C-alpha cells in the first residue's frame, strides 16, 4: 500500500527560491544553498558524481550498510523506517531487506523536497515490497519533521553525509527538531563523512572529468530558468577548497571576469568583480568525539559506530534520550 502526503508545493518552492537567492546573493560574501542544485538535470549529474572514481562517500557508505544492515535491524527491531532526503532510496533497500528479514518492519516513510523523485521512488518500492506500507512525505527536512507520521519504534535514516551540508548552528537546530519529533528510545541512523587527507577529500569535489563543476554551475541554470536571470554559467569557474580550521570542504563559483547579472523576477541587478565568489555548498567532515558531542547536546546517545577499514566514512546509530 502506498500513499503521499504533501507539505510543500510548487508555490512554496518558488517562494523559498526567491528568498534564498535574494538574501544569499545580496550578502557579503555571497552564498546560495545547495538544495537548489537538484532539479532534474542536477539530480542526474549528482548520480553521475556518485559513480566517479574520486567520489568515495557513496560506495563507502554502501559497503558499511551492506555489512551491518542485519545488525542494525537486530539492534533496533524497527517497526517503521523513515528516510530523510530519500531521493531514489537506493541504499535504503539494504535496510528494508534486513528489517523485513527480521520480521519487525511494517512501514517505510521516505521524505524528500522533490515530489517527482518521491513519486518515482514510492512507485518502484511499492512494486518491490508489495507487503510494506509506504507513505511518501513531500517536505523539507529542516521545516517539516513535525509532520512525520507518528509510529512505534521508528528508525530515522539520514544518509549520504548530507548532515555535513549544514553549518554547526543549523546542525544543532536540525538535530534538536528531530529529537523533538521522536519518542524516547527511537533511533537515528546517521551517515557522516570523516576528516581525512585533503589529497583524498578535494578531488572528491573537483573530479578530473569536470562533472562536479557542471553540477555546481547547475544552480545558475536553475536561477536563470526559474527567476528569469541572465547568468552566463561558463563565466563562473568551479572551486573546491579544504578549510582546515572548520574541517569542511567549500564549493564555490568564481567569476572569471567582471560582469553584471540581472535577475528579472527579483528586480535585482548584481555586479561581480573578477575573482569574486559565491559559496554554494559546505561539506563538513567529522570526528567521532565531535559528532558524539553534537548528538548528546541534542538529546541523542551514541549507541553504535561503524566505519570502513580506512576510517573514511561512518555510520552512527544513536538513540533518543528522555527529554
C-alpha atoms as a PDB file:
ATOM      1  CA  UNK A   1       0.000   0.000   0.000  1.00  0.00           C
ATOM      2  CA  UNK A   2       1.430   3.387  -0.983  1.00  0.00           C
ATOM      3  CA  UNK A   3       0.321   6.953  -0.297  1.00  0.00           C
ATOM      4  CA  UNK A   4       1.649  10.512  -0.465  1.00  0.00           C
ATOM      5  CA  UNK A   5       1.484  13.411   1.994  1.00  0.00           C
ATOM      6  CA  UNK A   6       2.293  16.893   0.681  1.00  0.00           C
ATOM      7  CA  UNK A   7       3.594  19.687   2.886  1.00  0.00           C
ATOM      8  CA  UNK A   8       5.298  21.527   0.019  1.00  0.00           C
ATOM      9  CA  UNK A   9       4.033  22.527  -3.401  1.00  0.00           C
ATOM     10  CA  UNK A  10       5.471  24.440  -6.342  1.00  0.00           C
ATOM     11  CA  UNK A  11       4.418  27.788  -4.843  1.00  0.00           C
ATOM     12  CA  UNK A  12       6.259  27.004  -1.585  1.00  0.00           C
ATOM     13  CA  UNK A  13       9.387  26.072  -3.515  1.00  0.00           C
ATOM     14  CA  UNK A  14       9.155  29.204  -5.659  1.00  0.00           C
ATOM     15  CA  UNK A  15       8.856  31.447  -2.599  1.00  0.00           C
ATOM     16  CA  UNK A  16      11.761  29.684  -0.935  1.00  0.00           C
ATOM     17  CA  UNK A  17      13.967  30.017  -4.024  1.00  0.00           C
ATOM     18  CA  UNK A  18      13.201  33.715  -4.343  1.00  0.00           C
ATOM     19  CA  UNK A  19      14.008  34.350  -0.691  1.00  0.00           C
ATOM     20  CA  UNK A  20      17.223  32.308  -0.736  1.00  0.00           C
ATOM     21  CA  UNK A  21      18.535  33.931  -3.913  1.00  0.00           C
ATOM     22  CA  UNK A  22      17.712  37.480  -2.834  1.00  0.00           C
ATOM     23  CA  UNK A  23      19.223  37.022   0.614  1.00  0.00           C
ATOM     24  CA  UNK A  24      22.232  34.964  -0.430  1.00  0.00           C
ATOM     25  CA  UNK A  25      23.342  36.988  -3.441  1.00  0.00           C
ATOM     26  CA  UNK A  26      22.861  40.280  -1.574  1.00  0.00           C
ATOM     27  CA  UNK A  27      25.059  39.069   1.299  1.00  0.00           C
ATOM     28  CA  UNK A  28      28.791  39.558   1.732  1.00  0.00           C
ATOM     29  CA  UNK A  29      30.287  37.137   0.889  1.00  0.00           C
ATOM     30  CA  UNK A  30      27.667  35.819  -1.495  1.00  0.00           C
ATOM     31  CA  UNK A  31      26.166  32.365  -0.952  1.00  0.00           C
ATOM     32  CA  UNK A  32      23.472  30.019  -2.257  1.00  0.00           C
ATOM     33  CA  UNK A  33      22.002  26.948  -0.504  1.00  0.00           C
ATOM     34  CA  UNK A  34      22.997  23.607  -2.077  1.00  0.00           C
ATOM     35  CA  UNK A  35      19.404  22.355  -2.261  1.00  0.00           C
ATOM     36  CA  UNK A  36      18.930  24.393  -5.446  1.00  0.00           C
ATOM     37  CA  UNK A  37      21.389  22.181  -7.360  1.00  0.00           C
ATOM     38  CA  UNK A  38      18.761  19.475  -7.531  1.00  0.00           C
ATOM     39  CA  UNK A  39      16.403  19.995 -10.411  1.00  0.00           C
ATOM     40  CA  UNK A  40      16.033  17.008 -12.767  1.00  0.00           C
ATOM     41  CA  UNK A  41      19.333  17.808 -14.504  1.00  0.00           C
ATOM     42  CA  UNK A  42      21.158  18.396 -11.222  1.00  0.00           C
ATOM     43  CA  UNK A  43      19.883  15.127  -9.788  1.00  0.00           C
ATOM     44  CA  UNK A  44      21.177  13.248 -12.843  1.00  0.00           C
ATOM     45  CA  UNK A  45      24.548  14.971 -12.516  1.00  0.00           C
ATOM     46  CA  UNK A  46      24.768  14.033  -8.848  1.00  0.00           C
ATOM     47  CA  UNK A  47      24.023  10.404  -9.703  1.00  0.00           C
ATOM     48  CA  UNK A  48      26.923  10.619 -12.165  1.00  0.00           C
ATOM     49  CA  UNK A  49      29.142  12.054  -9.405  1.00  0.00           C
ATOM     50  CA  UNK A  50      28.405   9.118  -7.112  1.00  0.00           C
ATOM     51  CA  UNK A  51      29.903   6.776  -9.718  1.00  0.00           C
ATOM     52  CA  UNK A  52      33.137   8.746 -10.222  1.00  0.00           C
ATOM     53  CA  UNK A  53      36.390   7.110  -9.085  1.00  0.00           C
ATOM     54  CA  UNK A  54      37.234  10.161  -6.935  1.00  0.00           C
ATOM     55  CA  UNK A  55      33.904  10.211  -5.118  1.00  0.00           C
ATOM     56  CA  UNK A  56      34.316   7.694  -2.306  1.00  0.00           C
ATOM     57  CA  UNK A  57      31.369   8.553   0.064  1.00  0.00           C
ATOM     58  CA  UNK A  58      28.563   6.713  -1.730  1.00  0.00           C
ATOM     59  CA  UNK A  59      30.343   3.418  -2.304  1.00  0.00           C
ATOM     60  CA  UNK A  60      31.986   3.506   1.142  1.00  0.00           C
ATOM     61  CA  UNK A  61      28.697   4.087   2.942  1.00  0.00           C
ATOM     62  CA  UNK A  62      27.043   1.382   0.856  1.00  0.00           C
ATOM     63  CA  UNK A  63      29.756  -1.100   1.864  1.00  0.00           C
ATOM     64  CA  UNK A  64      29.216  -0.270   5.561  1.00  0.00           C
ATOM     65  CA  UNK A  65      25.459  -0.682   5.169  1.00  0.00           C
ATOM     66  CA  UNK A  66      25.881  -3.967   3.306  1.00  0.00           C
ATOM     67  CA  UNK A  67      27.951  -5.352   6.168  1.00  0.00           C
ATOM     68  CA  UNK A  68      25.940  -4.010   9.096  1.00  0.00           C
ATOM     69  CA  UNK A  69      22.296  -3.746   7.951  1.00  0.00           C
ATOM     70  CA  UNK A  70      21.344  -7.076   9.598  1.00  0.00           C
ATOM     71  CA  UNK A  71      22.937  -5.910  12.850  1.00  0.00           C
ATOM     72  CA  UNK A  72      21.076  -2.583  12.664  1.00  0.00           C
ATOM     73  CA  UNK A  73      17.812  -4.464  12.134  1.00  0.00           C
ATOM     74  CA  UNK A  74      18.550  -6.684  15.146  1.00  0.00           C
ATOM     75  CA  UNK A  75      19.548  -3.798  17.426  1.00  0.00           C
ATOM     76  CA  UNK A  76      16.577  -1.583  16.612  1.00  0.00           C
ATOM     77  CA  UNK A  77      13.766  -4.084  15.962  1.00  0.00           C
ATOM     78  CA  UNK A  78      12.374  -1.249  13.840  1.00  0.00           C
ATOM     79  CA  UNK A  79       8.680  -1.192  13.015  1.00  0.00           C
ATOM     80  CA  UNK A  80       8.924   1.980  10.895  1.00  0.00           C
ATOM     81  CA  UNK A  81      11.868   3.189   8.815  1.00  0.00           C
ATOM     82  CA  UNK A  82      11.935   6.906   7.975  1.00  0.00           C
ATOM     83  CA  UNK A  83      14.429   8.258   5.444  1.00  0.00           C
ATOM     84  CA  UNK A  84      15.229  11.968   5.186  1.00  0.00           C
ATOM     85  CA  UNK A  85      16.270  13.324   1.784  1.00  0.00           C
ATOM     86  CA  UNK A  86      15.434   9.961   0.349  1.00  0.00           C
ATOM     87  CA  UNK A  87      15.945  10.597  -3.386  1.00  0.00           C
ATOM     88  CA  UNK A  88      15.813   7.227  -5.113  1.00  0.00           C
ATOM     89  CA  UNK A  89      16.113   5.329  -1.779  1.00  0.00           C
ATOM     90  CA  UNK A  90      18.632   3.011  -3.469  1.00  0.00           C
ATOM     91  CA  UNK A  91      20.860   2.364  -0.442  1.00  0.00           C
ATOM     92  CA  UNK A  92      17.810   2.160   1.792  1.00  0.00           C
ATOM     93  CA  UNK A  93      16.835  -1.135   0.180  1.00  0.00           C
ATOM     94  CA  UNK A  94      19.686  -2.707   2.133  1.00  0.00           C
ATOM     95  CA  UNK A  95      17.966  -1.610   5.352  1.00  0.00           C
ATOM     96  CA  UNK A  96      14.496  -2.545   4.123  1.00  0.00           C
ATOM     97  CA  UNK A  97      15.656  -6.039   3.190  1.00  0.00           C
ATOM     98  CA  UNK A  98      17.344  -6.545   6.567  1.00  0.00           C
ATOM     99  CA  UNK A  99      14.437  -5.168   8.599  1.00  0.00           C
ATOM    100  CA  UNK A 100      11.836  -7.117   6.644  1.00  0.00           C
ATOM    101  CA  UNK A 101      14.011 -10.199   7.026  1.00  0.00           C
ATOM    102  CA  UNK A 102      13.975  -9.586  10.770  1.00  0.00           C
ATOM    103  CA  UNK A 103      10.176  -9.650  10.645  1.00  0.00           C
ATOM    104  CA  UNK A 104       9.572  -6.381  12.524  1.00  0.00           C
ATOM    105  CA  UNK A 105       9.152  -3.741   9.803  1.00  0.00           C
ATOM    106  CA  UNK A 106       5.658  -2.691   8.797  1.00  0.00           C
ATOM    107  CA  UNK A 107       6.083   0.730   7.187  1.00  0.00           C
ATOM    108  CA  UNK A 108       8.529   2.945   5.321  1.00  0.00           C
ATOM    109  CA  UNK A 109       8.319   6.758   5.240  1.00  0.00           C
ATOM    110  CA  UNK A 110      10.611   8.497   2.716  1.00  0.00           C
ATOM    111  CA  UNK A 111      10.744  12.330   2.915  1.00  0.00           C
ATOM    112  CA  UNK A 112      12.047  14.493   0.073  1.00  0.00           C
ATOM    113  CA  UNK A 113      11.529  18.021  -1.293  1.00  0.00           C
ATOM    114  CA  UNK A 114      11.141  16.689  -4.844  1.00  0.00           C
ATOM    115  CA  UNK A 115       7.643  15.363  -5.421  1.00  0.00           C
ATOM    116  CA  UNK A 116       8.561  13.831  -8.778  1.00  0.00           C
ATOM    117  CA  UNK A 117      11.563  11.953  -7.368  1.00  0.00           C
ATOM    118  CA  UNK A 118       9.496  10.813  -4.396  1.00  0.00           C
ATOM    119  CA  UNK A 119       6.601   9.547  -6.515  1.00  0.00           C
ATOM    120  CA  UNK A 120       9.027   7.615  -8.702  1.00  0.00           C
ATOM    121  CA  UNK A 121      10.741   6.069  -5.657  1.00  0.00           C
ATOM    122  CA  UNK A 122       7.469   5.226  -3.898  1.00  0.00           C
ATOM    123  CA  UNK A 123       6.056   3.570  -7.019  1.00  0.00           C
ATOM    124  CA  UNK A 124       9.223   1.500  -7.525  1.00  0.00           C
ATOM    125  CA  UNK A 125       9.384   0.468  -3.864  1.00  0.00           C
ATOM    126  CA  UNK A 126       5.683  -0.369  -3.828  1.00  0.00           C
ATOM    127  CA  UNK A 127       6.287  -2.878  -6.617  1.00  0.00           C
ATOM    128  CA  UNK A 128       9.418  -4.276  -4.963  1.00  0.00           C
ATOM    129  CA  UNK A 129       7.859  -4.559  -1.489  1.00  0.00           C
ATOM    130  CA  UNK A 130       4.134  -5.226  -2.003  1.00  0.00           C
ATOM    131  CA  UNK A 131       3.502  -6.098   1.646  1.00  0.00           C
ATOM    132  CA  UNK A 132       5.052  -2.917   3.026  1.00  0.00           C
ATOM    133  CA  UNK A 133       3.045   0.220   3.868  1.00  0.00           C
ATOM    134  CA  UNK A 134       4.867   3.148   2.179  1.00  0.00           C
ATOM    135  CA  UNK A 135       3.965   6.788   2.872  1.00  0.00           C
ATOM    136  CA  UNK A 136       5.933   9.359   0.895  1.00  0.00           C
ATOM    137  CA  UNK A 137       6.181  12.804   2.526  1.00  0.00           C
ATOM    138  CA  UNK A 138       6.851  15.794   0.285  1.00  0.00           C
ATOM    139  CA  UNK A 139       8.602  18.173   2.648  1.00  0.00           C
ATOM    140  CA  UNK A 140      11.752  19.984   3.715  1.00  0.00           C
ATOM    141  CA  UNK A 141      13.717  18.146   6.384  1.00  0.00           C
ATOM    142  CA  UNK A 142      14.603  21.471   8.046  1.00  0.00           C
ATOM    143  CA  UNK A 143      10.945  22.541   8.294  1.00  0.00           C
ATOM    144  CA  UNK A 144       8.606  19.563   8.294  1.00  0.00           C
ATOM    145  CA  UNK A 145       9.977  16.991  10.739  1.00  0.00           C
ATOM    146  CA  UNK A 146       6.960  17.546  12.984  1.00  0.00           C
ATOM    147  CA  UNK A 147       4.791  16.202  10.159  1.00  0.00           C
ATOM    148  CA  UNK A 148       6.443  12.784  10.102  1.00  0.00           C
ATOM    149  CA  UNK A 149       3.809  10.106  10.706  1.00  0.00           C
ATOM    150  CA  UNK A 150       3.799   9.016  14.324  1.00  0.00           C
ATOM    151  CA  UNK A 151       4.667   5.435  14.999  1.00  0.00           C
ATOM    152  CA  UNK A 152       6.096   2.866  17.329  1.00  0.00           C
ATOM    153  CA  UNK A 153       9.846   2.207  17.386  1.00  0.00           C
ATOM    154  CA  UNK A 154      10.873   4.325  14.413  1.00  0.00           C
ATOM    155  CA  UNK A 155      14.367   4.483  12.914  1.00  0.00           C
ATOM    156  CA  UNK A 156      15.180   7.722  11.075  1.00  0.00           C
ATOM    157  CA  UNK A 157      17.902   7.244   8.454  1.00  0.00           C
ATOM    158  CA  UNK A 158      19.813  10.338   7.345  1.00  0.00           C
ATOM    159  CA  UNK A 159      22.449   9.004   4.993  1.00  0.00           C
ATOM    160  CA  UNK A 160      24.997  10.160   2.428  1.00  0.00           C
ATOM    161  CA  UNK A 161      26.879  12.594   4.651  1.00  0.00           C
ATOM    162  CA  UNK A 162      24.184  15.214   3.991  1.00  0.00           C
ATOM    163  CA  UNK A 163      24.404  16.321   7.638  1.00  0.00           C
ATOM    164  CA  UNK A 164      27.681  17.951   6.595  1.00  0.00           C
ATOM    165  CA  UNK A 165      25.860  20.433   4.344  1.00  0.00           C
ATOM    166  CA  UNK A 166      24.613  22.215   7.472  1.00  0.00           C
ATOM    167  CA  UNK A 167      26.782  24.672   9.381  1.00  0.00           C
ATOM    168  CA  UNK A 168      27.090  23.924  13.132  1.00  0.00           C
ATOM    169  CA  UNK A 169      24.178  26.151  14.201  1.00  0.00           C
ATOM    170  CA  UNK A 170      21.957  24.603  11.524  1.00  0.00           C
ATOM    171  CA  UNK A 171      23.013  21.104  12.592  1.00  0.00           C
ATOM    172  CA  UNK A 172      22.116  21.871  16.207  1.00  0.00           C
ATOM    173  CA  UNK A 173      18.694  23.198  15.185  1.00  0.00           C
ATOM    174  CA  UNK A 174      18.031  20.243  12.896  1.00  0.00           C
ATOM    175  CA  UNK A 175      19.074  17.612  15.443  1.00  0.00           C
ATOM    176  CA  UNK A 176      17.043  19.359  18.155  1.00  0.00           C
ATOM    177  CA  UNK A 177      13.923  19.370  15.984  1.00  0.00           C
ATOM    178  CA  UNK A 178      14.444  15.752  15.034  1.00  0.00           C
ATOM    179  CA  UNK A 179      14.787  14.766  18.690  1.00  0.00           C
ATOM    180  CA  UNK A 180      11.556  16.636  19.461  1.00  0.00           C
ATOM    181  CA  UNK A 181       9.787  14.614  16.737  1.00  0.00           C
ATOM    182  CA  UNK A 182      10.862  11.267  18.215  1.00  0.00           C
ATOM    183  CA  UNK A 183       9.795   9.314  21.266  1.00  0.00           C
ATOM    184  CA  UNK A 184      12.412   8.300  23.846  1.00  0.00           C
ATOM    185  CA  UNK A 185      14.138   5.133  22.708  1.00  0.00           C
ATOM    186  CA  UNK A 186      13.597   5.713  18.980  1.00  0.00           C
ATOM    187  CA  UNK A 187      16.601   5.755  16.686  1.00  0.00           C
ATOM    188  CA  UNK A 188      18.685   7.922  14.356  1.00  0.00           C
ATOM    189  CA  UNK A 189      20.938   6.210  11.803  1.00  0.00           C
ATOM    190  CA  UNK A 190      23.350   8.878  10.595  1.00  0.00           C
ATOM    191  CA  UNK A 191      25.850   8.680   7.748  1.00  0.00           C
ATOM    192  CA  UNK A 192      28.746  11.131   8.208  1.00  0.00           C
ATOM    193  CA  UNK A 193      31.955  11.668   6.264  1.00  0.00           C
ATOM    194  CA  UNK A 194      35.134  11.725   8.337  1.00  0.00           C
ATOM    195  CA  UNK A 195      38.159  14.039   8.424  1.00  0.00           C
ATOM    196  CA  UNK A 196      40.944  12.696   6.240  1.00  0.00           C
ATOM    197  CA  UNK A 197      43.822  13.701   3.984  1.00  0.00           C
ATOM    198  CA  UNK A 198      42.895  16.738   1.806  1.00  0.00           C
ATOM    199  CA  UNK A 199      44.520  14.873  -1.077  1.00  0.00           C
ATOM    200  CA  UNK A 200      41.599  12.454  -0.910  1.00  0.00           C
ATOM    201  CA  UNK A 201      38.924  14.977   0.074  1.00  0.00           C
ATOM    202  CA  UNK A 202      39.415  17.706  -2.511  1.00  0.00           C
ATOM    203  CA  UNK A 203      39.363  15.503  -5.655  1.00  0.00           C
ATOM    204  CA  UNK A 204      36.030  14.058  -4.466  1.00  0.00           C
ATOM    205  CA  UNK A 205      34.596  17.560  -5.003  1.00  0.00           C
ATOM    206  CA  UNK A 206      36.735  18.521  -8.021  1.00  0.00           C
ATOM    207  CA  UNK A 207      36.892  15.485 -10.284  1.00  0.00           C
ATOM    208  CA  UNK A 208      39.103  15.251 -13.335  1.00  0.00           C
ATOM    209  CA  UNK A 209      36.146  14.789 -15.708  1.00  0.00           C
ATOM    210  CA  UNK A 210      34.523  18.053 -14.597  1.00  0.00           C
ATOM    211  CA  UNK A 211      31.185  16.501 -13.604  1.00  0.00           C
ATOM    212  CA  UNK A 212      31.165  18.245 -10.210  1.00  0.00           C
ATOM    213  CA  UNK A 213      31.960  21.553 -11.906  1.00  0.00           C
ATOM    214  CA  UNK A 214      28.913  21.150 -14.131  1.00  0.00           C
ATOM    215  CA  UNK A 215      26.814  20.156 -11.115  1.00  0.00           C
ATOM    216  CA  UNK A 216      27.988  23.267  -9.239  1.00  0.00           C
ATOM    217  CA  UNK A 217      27.132  25.565 -12.148  1.00  0.00           C
ATOM    218  CA  UNK A 218      23.697  23.963 -12.430  1.00  0.00           C
ATOM    219  CA  UNK A 219      22.426  26.261  -9.670  1.00  0.00           C
ATOM    220  CA  UNK A 220      22.897  29.158 -12.119  1.00  0.00           C
ATOM    221  CA  UNK A 221      20.865  27.314 -14.758  1.00  0.00           C
ATOM    222  CA  UNK A 222      18.096  26.862 -12.171  1.00  0.00           C
ATOM    223  CA  UNK A 223      18.087  30.576 -11.286  1.00  0.00           C
ATOM    224  CA  UNK A 224      18.098  31.539 -14.969  1.00  0.00           C
ATOM    225  CA  UNK A 225      15.093  29.339 -15.690  1.00  0.00           C
ATOM    226  CA  UNK A 226      13.033  29.917 -12.554  1.00  0.00           C
ATOM    227  CA  UNK A 227      13.750  33.617 -11.933  1.00  0.00           C
ATOM    228  CA  UNK A 228      14.423  34.842 -15.490  1.00  0.00           C
ATOM    229  CA  UNK A 229      18.064  35.680 -14.771  1.00  0.00           C
ATOM    230  CA  UNK A 230      20.858  36.066 -17.305  1.00  0.00           C
ATOM    231  CA  UNK A 231      23.800  34.338 -15.623  1.00  0.00           C
ATOM    232  CA  UNK A 232      26.405  33.015 -18.041  1.00  0.00           C
ATOM    233  CA  UNK A 233      27.287  29.771 -16.215  1.00  0.00           C
ATOM    234  CA  UNK A 234      30.519  29.415 -18.178  1.00  0.00           C
ATOM    235  CA  UNK A 235      31.649  32.793 -16.816  1.00  0.00           C
ATOM    236  CA  UNK A 236      31.963  31.113 -13.395  1.00  0.00           C
ATOM    237  CA  UNK A 237      34.590  28.508 -12.623  1.00  0.00           C
ATOM    238  CA  UNK A 238      34.179  25.711 -10.126  1.00  0.00           C
ATOM    239  CA  UNK A 239      36.333  25.884  -6.991  1.00  0.00           C
ATOM    240  CA  UNK A 240      36.654  23.297  -4.203  1.00  0.00           C
ATOM    241  CA  UNK A 241      38.828  24.104  -1.192  1.00  0.00           C
ATOM    242  CA  UNK A 242      39.521  22.439   2.161  1.00  0.00           C
ATOM    243  CA  UNK A 243      39.146  24.666   5.220  1.00  0.00           C
ATOM    244  CA  UNK A 244      41.403  23.006   7.832  1.00  0.00           C
ATOM    245  CA  UNK A 245      40.136  25.217  10.662  1.00  0.00           C
ATOM    246  CA  UNK A 246      36.453  24.430  10.201  1.00  0.00           C
ATOM    247  CA  UNK A 247      37.216  20.986   8.787  1.00  0.00           C
ATOM    248  CA  UNK A 248      34.919  21.289   5.824  1.00  0.00           C
ATOM    249  CA  UNK A 249      35.064  21.431   2.044  1.00  0.00           C
ATOM    250  CA  UNK A 250      33.699  24.582   0.429  1.00  0.00           C
ATOM    251  CA  UNK A 251      32.392  24.565  -3.113  1.00  0.00           C
ATOM    252  CA  UNK A 252      32.338  27.944  -4.753  1.00  0.00           C
ATOM    253  CA  UNK A 253      31.630  29.559  -8.098  1.00  0.00           C
ATOM    254  CA  UNK A 254      34.278  32.140  -9.024  1.00  0.00           C
ATOM    255  CA  UNK A 255      33.590  34.879 -11.551  1.00  0.00           C
ATOM    256  CA  UNK A 256      36.225  34.683 -14.288  1.00  0.00           C
ATOM    257  CA  UNK A 257      35.699  38.342 -15.273  1.00  0.00           C
ATOM    258  CA  UNK A 258      33.942  41.478 -14.157  1.00  0.00           C
ATOM    259  CA  UNK A 259      30.303  41.079 -15.125  1.00  0.00           C
ATOM    260  CA  UNK A 260      26.770  42.278 -14.496  1.00  0.00           C
ATOM    261  CA  UNK A 261      23.815  39.951 -13.913  1.00  0.00           C
ATOM    262  CA  UNK A 262      20.113  40.759 -13.992  1.00  0.00           C
ATOM    263  CA  UNK A 263      17.540  38.649 -12.082  1.00  0.00           C
ATOM    264  CA  UNK A 264      14.304  39.889 -13.573  1.00  0.00           C
ATOM    265  CA  UNK A 265      11.809  38.221 -11.249  1.00  0.00           C
ATOM    266  CA  UNK A 266      13.544  39.800  -8.248  1.00  0.00           C
ATOM    267  CA  UNK A 267      14.149  43.146  -9.956  1.00  0.00           C
ATOM    268  CA  UNK A 268      17.740  42.648  -8.818  1.00  0.00           C
ATOM    269  CA  UNK A 269      20.918  43.810 -10.541  1.00  0.00           C
ATOM    270  CA  UNK A 270      24.237  42.336  -9.425  1.00  0.00           C
ATOM    271  CA  UNK A 271      27.827  43.293 -10.150  1.00  0.00           C
ATOM    272  CA  UNK A 272      30.553  40.657  -9.888  1.00  0.00           C
ATOM    273  CA  UNK A 273      34.218  41.586  -9.781  1.00  0.00           C
ATOM    274  CA  UNK A 274      36.741  39.312 -11.436  1.00  0.00           C
ATOM    275  CA  UNK A 275      37.591  36.610  -8.902  1.00  0.00           C
ATOM    276  CA  UNK A 276      34.515  37.236  -6.738  1.00  0.00           C
ATOM    277  CA  UNK A 277      32.988  34.042  -5.406  1.00  0.00           C
ATOM    278  CA  UNK A 278      29.607  32.571  -4.473  1.00  0.00           C
ATOM    279  CA  UNK A 279      29.723  29.825  -1.846  1.00  0.00           C
ATOM    280  CA  UNK A 280      27.320  27.116  -2.999  1.00  0.00           C
ATOM    281  CA  UNK A 281      27.983  24.288  -0.551  1.00  0.00           C
ATOM    282  CA  UNK A 282      29.879  23.256   2.526  1.00  0.00           C
ATOM    283  CA  UNK A 283      30.538  19.617   3.278  1.00  0.00           C
ATOM    284  CA  UNK A 284      31.690  19.262   6.866  1.00  0.00           C
ATOM    285  CA  UNK A 285      33.783  16.273   7.880  1.00  0.00           C
ATOM    286  CA  UNK A 286      33.552  14.804  11.353  1.00  0.00           C
ATOM    287  CA  UNK A 287      35.482  13.129  14.136  1.00  0.00           C
ATOM    288  CA  UNK A 288      33.825  10.586  16.386  1.00  0.00           C
ATOM    289  CA  UNK A 289      34.158  12.612  19.597  1.00  0.00           C
ATOM    290  CA  UNK A 290      32.800  15.774  17.998  1.00  0.00           C
ATOM    291  CA  UNK A 291      29.840  14.009  16.420  1.00  0.00           C
ATOM    292  CA  UNK A 292      29.003  12.255  19.687  1.00  0.00           C
ATOM    293  CA  UNK A 293      29.077  15.618  21.480  1.00  0.00           C
ATOM    294  CA  UNK A 294      26.743  17.233  18.918  1.00  0.00           C
ATOM    295  CA  UNK A 295      24.321  14.324  19.216  1.00  0.00           C
ATOM    296  CA  UNK A 296      24.411  14.412  23.019  1.00  0.00           C
ATOM    297  CA  UNK A 297      23.735  18.157  23.063  1.00  0.00           C
ATOM    298  CA  UNK A 298      20.560  17.490  21.052  1.00  0.00           C
ATOM    299  CA  UNK A 299      19.316  14.629  23.208  1.00  0.00           C
ATOM    300  CA  UNK A 300      20.752  11.612  21.384  1.00  0.00           C
ATOM    301  CA  UNK A 301      23.047   8.983  22.878  1.00  0.00           C
ATOM    302  CA  UNK A 302      25.539   7.342  20.509  1.00  0.00           C
ATOM    303  CA  UNK A 303      24.965   3.597  20.838  1.00  0.00           C
ATOM    304  CA  UNK A 304      26.927   2.109  17.931  1.00  0.00           C
ATOM    305  CA  UNK A 305      29.573   3.357  15.494  1.00  0.00           C
ATOM    306  CA  UNK A 306      30.633   1.614  12.304  1.00  0.00           C
ATOM    307  CA  UNK A 307      33.288   2.651   9.815  1.00  0.00           C
ATOM    308  CA  UNK A 308      35.212   1.252   6.866  1.00  0.00           C
ATOM    309  CA  UNK A 309      38.740  -0.169   7.222  1.00  0.00           C
ATOM    310  CA  UNK A 310      40.293   3.191   6.241  1.00  0.00           C
ATOM    311  CA  UNK A 311      38.053   5.237   8.580  1.00  0.00           C
ATOM    312  CA  UNK A 312      36.847   7.368   5.687  1.00  0.00           C
ATOM    313  CA  UNK A 313      33.119   7.283   6.438  1.00  0.00           C
ATOM    314  CA  UNK A 314      30.959   6.493   9.443  1.00  0.00           C
ATOM    315  CA  UNK A 315      27.539   5.117  10.212  1.00  0.00           C
ATOM    316  CA  UNK A 316      26.256   6.063  13.659  1.00  0.00           C
ATOM    317  CA  UNK A 317      23.281   4.559  15.459  1.00  0.00           C
ATOM    318  CA  UNK A 318      22.037   6.971  18.127  1.00  0.00           C
ATOM    319  CA  UNK A 319      19.041   6.673  20.443  1.00  0.00           C
ATOM    320  CA  UNK A 320      16.687   9.409  21.595  1.00  0.00           C
ATOM    321  CA  UNK A 321      17.158  10.058  25.303  1.00  0.00           C
ATOM    322  CA  UNK A 322      14.250  11.060  27.562  1.00  0.00           C
ATOM    323  CA  UNK A 323      13.684  14.827  27.438  1.00  0.00           C
END
